[in-house]
Protein backbone atom coordinates (compact mmCIF):
# COMPACT_ATOMS: atom_id res chain seq x y z
CA UNK A 1 -15.43 -1.36 9.44
CA UNK A 2 -14.17 -0.34 6.00
CA UNK A 3 -10.54 0.73 5.75
CA UNK A 4 -9.21 1.99 2.44
CA UNK A 5 -5.55 0.97 2.58
CA UNK A 6 -4.24 3.36 -0.11
CA UNK A 7 -5.52 6.88 -0.70
CA UNK A 8 -3.22 9.54 -2.15
CA UNK A 9 -3.16 13.01 -0.60
CA UNK A 10 -1.85 16.14 -2.33
CA UNK A 11 -1.18 17.40 -5.86
CA UNK A 12 1.16 15.09 -7.76
CA UNK A 13 3.88 16.02 -10.22
CA UNK A 14 2.15 13.59 -12.58
CA UNK A 15 -1.17 15.43 -12.63
CA UNK A 16 -3.35 13.45 -10.24
CA UNK A 17 -4.26 14.46 -6.72
CA UNK A 18 -6.92 15.36 -4.19
CA UNK A 19 -7.32 17.44 -1.08
CA UNK A 20 -8.11 16.19 2.41
CA UNK A 21 -11.58 17.74 2.10
CA UNK A 22 -12.21 15.76 -1.09
CA UNK A 23 -11.00 12.56 0.54
CA UNK A 24 -13.23 13.11 3.56
CA UNK A 25 -16.28 13.87 1.40
CA UNK A 26 -15.81 10.68 -0.61
CA UNK A 27 -15.33 8.61 2.52
CA UNK A 28 -18.55 10.00 3.94
CA UNK A 29 -20.43 9.35 0.71
CA UNK A 30 -19.18 5.78 0.34
CA UNK A 31 -19.26 4.69 3.98
CA UNK A 32 -15.50 4.34 4.40
CA UNK A 33 -14.52 4.55 8.05
CA UNK A 34 -10.76 4.94 7.81
CA UNK A 35 -8.13 5.63 5.15
CA UNK A 36 -4.38 5.06 4.93
CA UNK A 37 -3.03 8.27 3.41
CA UNK A 38 -0.09 8.21 0.98
CA UNK A 39 1.96 11.30 0.07
CA UNK A 40 2.10 12.03 -3.66
CA UNK A 41 5.30 13.00 -5.43
CA UNK A 42 5.26 16.82 -5.57
CA UNK A 43 6.66 19.05 -8.28
CA UNK A 44 9.75 19.91 -6.23
CA UNK A 45 10.51 16.21 -5.55
CA UNK A 46 10.78 16.84 -1.78
CA UNK A 47 8.90 14.25 0.25
CA UNK A 48 9.54 15.81 3.66
CA UNK A 49 6.76 18.43 3.41
CA UNK A 50 4.39 15.84 1.92
CA UNK A 51 5.08 13.49 4.82
CA UNK A 52 4.31 16.41 7.13
CA UNK A 53 1.03 17.03 5.29
CA UNK A 54 -0.06 13.44 5.84
CA UNK A 55 1.08 13.48 9.48
CA UNK A 56 -0.90 16.68 10.14
CA UNK A 57 -4.05 15.04 8.76
CA UNK A 58 -3.54 11.99 10.97
CA UNK A 59 -2.84 14.09 14.06
CA UNK A 60 -6.00 16.13 13.46
CA UNK A 61 -8.23 13.08 12.91
CA UNK A 62 -6.53 9.93 14.25
CA UNK A 63 -9.82 8.05 14.36
CA UNK A 64 -10.25 8.61 10.61
CA UNK A 65 -6.75 8.49 9.11
CA UNK A 66 -3.49 6.57 9.19
CA UNK A 67 -0.45 7.79 7.29
CA UNK A 68 2.47 6.32 5.39
CA UNK A 69 5.92 7.88 5.18
CA UNK A 70 7.28 8.08 1.63
CA UNK A 71 10.94 8.27 0.60
CA UNK A 72 13.07 7.99 -2.52
CA UNK A 73 15.71 5.27 -1.93
CA UNK A 74 18.06 7.01 -4.39
CA UNK A 75 18.50 9.72 -1.73
CA UNK A 76 20.60 7.31 0.32
CA UNK A 77 21.31 8.46 3.88
CA UNK A 78 18.76 11.27 3.56
CA UNK A 79 16.08 8.69 2.74
CA UNK A 80 17.05 6.60 5.76
CA UNK A 81 16.92 9.69 7.98
CA UNK A 82 13.44 10.50 6.64
CA UNK A 83 12.28 6.95 7.41
CA UNK A 84 13.41 7.36 11.02
CA UNK A 85 11.77 10.80 11.22
CA UNK A 86 8.57 9.41 9.78
CA UNK A 87 8.31 6.73 12.43
CA UNK A 88 9.79 8.55 15.42
CA UNK A 89 8.34 12.03 14.95
CA UNK A 90 5.44 11.82 12.50
CA UNK A 91 3.77 8.65 13.75
CA UNK A 92 3.72 6.91 10.36
CA UNK A 93 2.09 3.49 10.28
CA UNK A 94 4.30 2.22 7.47
CA UNK A 95 6.70 3.05 4.65
CA UNK A 96 5.58 3.68 1.06
CA UNK A 97 7.92 2.99 -1.87
CA UNK A 98 7.03 3.64 -5.50
CA UNK A 99 9.36 1.89 -7.95
CA UNK A 100 7.45 3.35 -10.90
CA UNK A 101 7.53 7.02 -9.97
CA UNK A 102 11.00 6.94 -8.39
CA UNK A 103 12.41 4.64 -11.10
CA UNK A 104 14.08 1.80 -9.22
CA UNK A 105 13.62 -1.94 -9.37
CA UNK A 106 11.85 -3.49 -6.41
CA UNK A 107 14.82 -5.75 -5.68
CA UNK A 108 17.52 -3.12 -6.26
CA UNK A 109 20.18 -3.01 -3.55
CA UNK A 110 19.39 0.72 -3.12
CA UNK A 111 16.29 -0.34 -1.18
CA UNK A 112 18.15 -2.27 1.48
CA UNK A 113 19.06 0.67 3.78
CA UNK A 114 15.48 1.98 3.93
CA UNK A 115 14.10 -1.52 4.40
CA UNK A 116 16.54 -2.13 7.25
CA UNK A 117 15.30 1.10 8.82
CA UNK A 118 11.66 0.01 8.47
CA UNK A 119 12.60 -3.35 9.94
CA UNK A 120 14.13 -1.74 13.01
CA UNK A 121 10.87 0.07 13.64
CA UNK A 122 8.85 -3.12 12.98
CA UNK A 123 6.76 -1.34 10.35
CA UNK A 124 5.17 -2.64 7.12
CA UNK A 125 6.35 -1.60 3.68
CA UNK A 126 3.84 -0.78 0.94
CA UNK A 127 5.23 -1.25 -2.57
CA UNK A 128 3.54 0.08 -5.70
CA UNK A 129 3.60 -3.30 -7.40
CA UNK A 130 2.89 -4.76 -10.79
CA UNK A 131 4.84 -2.48 -13.12
CA UNK A 132 6.64 -5.04 -15.26
CA UNK A 133 10.00 -3.34 -15.61
CA UNK A 134 10.43 -2.24 -12.02
CA UNK A 135 8.01 -4.06 -9.69
CA UNK A 136 7.31 -7.46 -11.20
CA UNK A 137 6.06 -10.04 -8.65
CA UNK A 138 9.34 -11.93 -8.92
CA UNK A 139 11.29 -8.78 -8.01
CA UNK A 140 9.07 -8.13 -5.01
CA UNK A 141 9.33 -11.75 -3.92
CA UNK A 142 13.12 -11.57 -4.18
CA UNK A 143 13.33 -8.55 -1.87
CA UNK A 144 10.67 -9.85 0.52
CA UNK A 145 12.62 -13.09 0.92
CA UNK A 146 15.67 -11.05 1.95
CA UNK A 147 13.64 -9.30 4.67
CA UNK A 148 11.39 -12.09 6.00
CA UNK A 149 10.46 -10.22 9.19
CA UNK A 150 9.18 -7.16 7.29
CA UNK A 151 5.49 -7.23 6.28
CA UNK A 152 5.15 -6.19 2.64
CA UNK A 153 1.95 -4.95 1.03
CA UNK A 154 2.00 -5.34 -2.77
CA UNK A 155 -0.33 -2.83 -4.42
CA UNK A 156 -2.53 -3.67 -7.41
CA UNK A 157 -2.84 -7.34 -6.52
CA UNK A 158 0.92 -7.64 -7.09
CA UNK A 159 0.40 -7.29 -10.83
CA UNK A 160 -0.96 -4.88 -13.46
CA UNK A 161 -1.80 -6.62 -16.70
CA UNK A 162 -5.23 -6.74 -18.28
CA UNK A 163 -4.29 -9.98 -20.06
CA UNK A 164 -3.85 -11.66 -16.68
CA UNK A 165 -0.37 -12.84 -17.63
CA UNK A 166 1.17 -12.01 -14.23
CA UNK A 167 -1.50 -13.64 -12.08
CA UNK A 168 0.52 -16.85 -11.82
CA UNK A 169 3.66 -14.96 -10.83
CA UNK A 170 1.73 -12.99 -8.20
CA UNK A 171 0.29 -16.22 -6.79
CA UNK A 172 3.76 -17.78 -6.65
CA UNK A 173 5.09 -14.68 -4.87
CA UNK A 174 2.41 -15.05 -2.18
CA UNK A 175 3.02 -18.76 -1.75
CA UNK A 176 6.80 -18.31 -1.49
CA UNK A 177 6.73 -15.26 0.80
CA UNK A 178 4.39 -15.48 3.81
CA UNK A 179 5.35 -11.89 4.73
CA UNK A 180 3.67 -10.49 1.58
CA UNK A 181 0.01 -9.53 1.29
CA UNK A 182 -1.75 -7.97 -1.67
CA UNK A 183 -4.38 -5.27 -1.97
CA UNK A 184 -7.42 -5.38 -4.20
CA UNK A 185 -7.00 -2.09 -6.13
CA UNK A 186 -6.78 -2.54 -9.88
CA UNK A 187 -6.85 -6.34 -9.66
CA UNK A 188 -7.86 -7.56 -13.10
CA UNK A 189 -9.90 -10.66 -12.21
CA UNK A 190 -12.38 -11.16 -9.43
CA UNK A 191 -11.64 -14.88 -9.27
CA UNK A 192 -7.97 -14.14 -8.52
CA UNK A 193 -8.97 -12.34 -5.31
CA UNK A 194 -11.31 -15.21 -4.40
CA UNK A 195 -8.63 -17.84 -5.02
CA UNK A 196 -5.99 -16.00 -2.97
CA UNK A 197 -8.41 -15.65 -0.04
CA UNK A 198 -9.65 -19.26 -0.10
CA UNK A 199 -6.46 -21.07 -1.19
CA UNK A 200 -3.56 -18.93 0.08
CA UNK A 201 -5.16 -17.29 3.12
CA UNK A 202 -7.89 -14.89 4.10
CA UNK A 203 -5.31 -12.80 5.98
CA UNK A 204 -3.41 -12.09 2.76
CA UNK A 205 -5.66 -9.53 1.01
CA UNK A 206 -6.61 -5.95 1.92
CA UNK A 207 -9.15 -3.62 0.39
CA UNK A 208 -7.57 -0.53 -1.19
CA UNK A 209 -8.78 1.86 -3.86
CA UNK A 210 -5.61 3.67 -4.94
CA UNK A 211 -7.78 6.78 -5.17
CA UNK A 212 -7.75 9.03 -7.18
CA UNK A 213 -5.67 7.00 -9.67
CA UNK A 214 -8.46 4.42 -9.55
CA UNK A 215 -12.13 5.16 -8.93
CA UNK A 216 -12.89 4.56 -5.27
CA UNK A 217 -16.50 3.52 -5.72
CA UNK A 218 -15.65 1.09 -8.51
CA UNK A 219 -12.81 -0.44 -6.49
CA UNK A 220 -15.17 -1.12 -3.60
CA UNK A 221 -17.26 -3.27 -5.94
CA UNK A 222 -14.40 -5.77 -6.23
CA UNK A 223 -14.89 -6.79 -2.62
CA UNK A 224 -18.66 -6.34 -2.60
CA UNK A 225 -19.30 -8.78 -5.48
CA UNK A 226 -16.62 -11.32 -4.59
CA UNK A 227 -17.92 -14.81 -3.87
CA UNK A 228 -16.64 -14.90 -0.30
CA UNK A 229 -18.19 -15.35 3.12
CA UNK A 230 -19.20 -12.38 5.23
CA UNK A 231 -16.38 -13.12 7.66
CA UNK A 232 -13.83 -13.25 4.84
CA UNK A 233 -15.12 -9.94 3.53
CA UNK A 234 -14.87 -8.39 6.99
CA UNK A 235 -11.18 -9.20 6.92
CA UNK A 236 -10.73 -7.74 3.44
CA UNK A 237 -12.74 -4.63 4.25
CA UNK A 238 -10.78 -3.66 7.31
CA UNK A 239 -9.61 -6.24 9.84
CA UNK A 240 -6.52 -7.21 7.85
CA UNK A 241 -5.54 -3.57 7.37
CA UNK A 242 -5.93 -2.80 11.08
CA UNK A 243 -3.77 -5.80 11.93
CA UNK A 244 -1.00 -4.76 9.55
CA UNK A 245 -1.02 -0.99 10.05
CA UNK A 246 -2.12 -0.73 13.68
CA UNK A 247 -0.90 -4.04 15.04
CA UNK A 248 -4.35 -5.17 16.13
CA UNK A 249 -4.80 -8.88 16.69
């Protein structure tokens, strides 16, 4: 089974976006069985309706979609209330936080209330990682160490840097924080994925495309060409995602 662990739904304030019909067509074309939908940031900045949009898609096709609840930690108590609504009423499989688009550092104290809420619901937290100013691997590791029972998914391999300068920091984050996993989207070097799987743990990497920010078909090639066993690839393609987002063993 192939599970794409990060697919954005809706029209973003920042110009990217895609409809549910487009997502479904691409999944069909590429042989993707399931997708974790992420609400984009809309022009009016209100995440509630976007969380509803994702939840409606999941309710209509639960065999095909999972959905994340997205909040802006700067909204304080309103953000915490939306986290609870997302898990209690909308059936979200996890919480999505975007330090880049919402402009907060990944270890800012403003995150603690929403992370405590996610922790109470025993849900994973997906962090848009790798942006040097706001979601550096050391910042993510700092916050993950403060919430050791919360599973964290660091997007973009935990780093975004075509020079590869943050690969060491991302590796150290994974070694120091057993509650952090990374996804494959946008990961600069194929050998980094291989090393994390073989040396840190084959449970610590998920396939994700970050579509439409990244090209879904191209992102699939990262797993396809990796020098890993078929069993290891099965975990990357979907088993790890199902364990984290659905609680499967």
